[in-house]
Amino acid sequence: MNKNMEWVKIRKILVIAGSVIFISAIVYVAFIFYLLTNGYRDYEKFCSEYIPLLETYKLNKGHYPNKLMVFEKPSFYPRYSESSCRYIGSVTHYSFKVDEGLIGWSFYDSDRQRWVHD
């Protein structure tokens, strides 16, 4: 009976230790994923919302704006900021440069009309 109680105690300790390790691993993976994906943010998708606005602006005014602040921020993206797009505009051209993970960047070039990843 004494050995049986020891086995139950050891089993309980192993279950608790395994649960703690499992939960710690899930939290660790979620944290790393959070860092690698910019906190689950998709800056490329957010900044792409401005592309049709920029093209319409150019059709109406003949040039691209100097800043994105001339547009109302898309309401679907409350956690995002216009400054996250790192917009660079000139009369005939514009581009975006956004964070991608911990060390990467994505670039949008209006002449090529596509995103490029480093």
Protein backbone atom coordinates (compact mmCIF):
# COMPACT_ATOMS: atom_id res chain seq x y z
CA MET A 1 0.00 0.00 0.00
CA ASN A 2 2.88 2.35 0.78
CA LYS A 3 4.42 1.73 -2.68
CA ASN A 4 1.06 2.38 -4.31
CA MET A 5 0.77 5.77 -2.58
CA GLU A 6 4.32 6.67 -3.65
CA TRP A 7 3.49 5.77 -7.25
CA VAL A 8 0.35 7.97 -7.14
CA LYS A 9 2.42 10.83 -5.73
CA ILE A 10 5.12 10.42 -8.39
CA ARG A 11 2.48 10.22 -11.12
CA LYS A 12 0.81 13.40 -9.85
CA ILE A 13 4.16 15.22 -9.84
CA LEU A 14 4.91 14.03 -13.39
CA VAL A 15 1.49 15.17 -14.64
CA ILE A 16 1.91 18.60 -13.04
CA ALA A 17 5.48 18.97 -14.34
CA GLY A 18 4.42 17.87 -17.84
CA SER A 19 1.51 20.32 -17.81
CA VAL A 20 3.78 23.18 -16.75
CA ILE A 21 6.30 22.34 -19.47
CA PHE A 22 3.54 22.04 -22.09
CA ILE A 23 1.92 25.36 -21.15
CA SER A 24 5.33 27.06 -21.01
CA ALA A 25 6.16 25.77 -24.49
CA ILE A 26 2.86 27.07 -25.89
CA VAL A 27 3.39 30.50 -24.31
CA TYR A 28 6.97 30.61 -25.62
CA VAL A 29 5.93 29.68 -29.18
CA ALA A 30 3.09 32.21 -29.11
CA PHE A 31 5.45 34.94 -27.88
CA ILE A 32 8.05 34.18 -30.57
CA PHE A 33 5.33 34.08 -33.24
CA TYR A 34 4.07 37.43 -31.94
CA LEU A 35 7.55 38.93 -32.35
CA LEU A 36 8.13 37.42 -35.77
CA THR A 37 4.81 38.63 -37.16
CA ASN A 38 4.91 42.15 -35.73
CA GLY A 39 2.30 41.33 -33.15
CA TYR A 40 -0.03 39.63 -35.60
CA ARG A 41 -0.19 42.79 -37.65
CA ASP A 42 -0.27 42.76 -41.41
CA TYR A 43 1.25 46.10 -42.36
CA GLU A 44 1.36 45.13 -46.03
CA LYS A 45 -2.40 44.61 -46.14
CA PHE A 46 -3.02 47.80 -44.17
CA CYS A 47 -0.84 49.95 -46.42
CA SER A 48 -2.36 48.35 -49.53
CA GLU A 49 -5.67 49.94 -48.49
CA TYR A 50 -4.13 53.31 -49.43
CA ILE A 51 -3.14 52.29 -52.98
CA PRO A 52 -6.55 52.93 -54.63
CA LEU A 53 -6.87 56.17 -52.65
CA LEU A 54 -3.47 57.30 -53.88
CA GLU A 55 -4.31 56.46 -57.49
CA THR A 56 -7.63 58.34 -57.27
CA TYR A 57 -5.84 61.30 -55.68
CA LYS A 58 -3.38 61.40 -58.58
CA LEU A 59 -6.18 61.24 -61.15
CA ASN A 60 -7.93 64.20 -59.49
CA LYS A 61 -4.90 66.35 -58.59
CA GLY A 62 -2.26 65.27 -61.13
CA HIS A 63 0.27 64.22 -58.48
CA TYR A 64 0.61 62.00 -55.44
CA PRO A 65 0.31 63.55 -51.95
CA ASN A 66 3.36 64.17 -49.79
CA LYS A 67 1.77 62.43 -46.77
CA LEU A 68 -0.87 59.80 -46.14
CA MET A 69 -2.49 62.11 -43.62
CA VAL A 70 -4.62 63.61 -46.40
CA PHE A 71 -6.67 60.41 -46.30
CA GLU A 72 -8.90 59.11 -43.57
CA LYS A 73 -7.39 56.03 -41.97
CA PRO A 74 -9.25 52.83 -42.91
CA SER A 75 -11.61 52.18 -40.01
CA PHE A 76 -11.10 48.40 -40.05
CA TYR A 77 -7.56 48.82 -38.71
CA PRO A 78 -7.77 50.45 -35.26
CA ARG A 79 -4.35 49.11 -34.11
CA TYR A 80 -2.48 50.52 -37.11
CA SER A 81 -0.98 53.91 -37.76
CA GLU A 82 -0.25 55.71 -41.03
CA SER A 83 3.36 56.06 -39.93
CA SER A 84 3.67 52.25 -40.01
CA CYS A 85 3.57 52.44 -43.81
CA ARG A 86 6.65 54.66 -44.08
CA TYR A 87 5.15 56.35 -47.11
CA ILE A 88 7.41 58.23 -49.50
CA GLY A 89 5.55 60.27 -52.10
CA SER A 90 6.63 62.47 -54.99
CA VAL A 91 4.83 63.98 -57.95
CA THR A 92 4.99 60.85 -60.14
CA HIS A 93 5.86 58.03 -57.76
CA TYR A 94 5.26 56.66 -54.28
CA SER A 95 6.44 53.75 -52.17
CA PHE A 96 5.89 52.04 -48.83
CA LYS A 97 8.42 50.36 -46.59
CA VAL A 98 6.98 48.22 -43.78
CA ASP A 99 8.37 45.95 -41.07
CA GLU A 100 8.15 42.24 -41.70
CA GLY A 101 9.10 40.11 -38.72
CA LEU A 102 12.07 40.91 -36.52
CA ILE A 103 14.59 41.75 -39.24
CA GLY A 104 12.75 41.90 -42.55
CA TRP A 105 11.18 44.59 -44.69
CA SER A 106 8.54 44.72 -47.40
CA PHE A 107 8.64 47.39 -50.06
CA TYR A 108 5.89 48.58 -52.38
CA ASP A 109 6.84 50.46 -55.51
CA SER A 110 4.12 52.27 -57.45
CA ASP A 111 5.98 51.87 -60.75
CA ARG A 112 6.16 48.07 -60.41
CA GLN A 113 2.78 47.92 -58.60
CA ARG A 114 3.86 45.05 -56.39
CA TRP A 115 5.32 44.23 -53.00
CA VAL A 116 8.92 43.04 -52.75
CA HIS A 117 10.27 41.27 -49.65
CA ASP A 118 13.84 41.26 -48.48
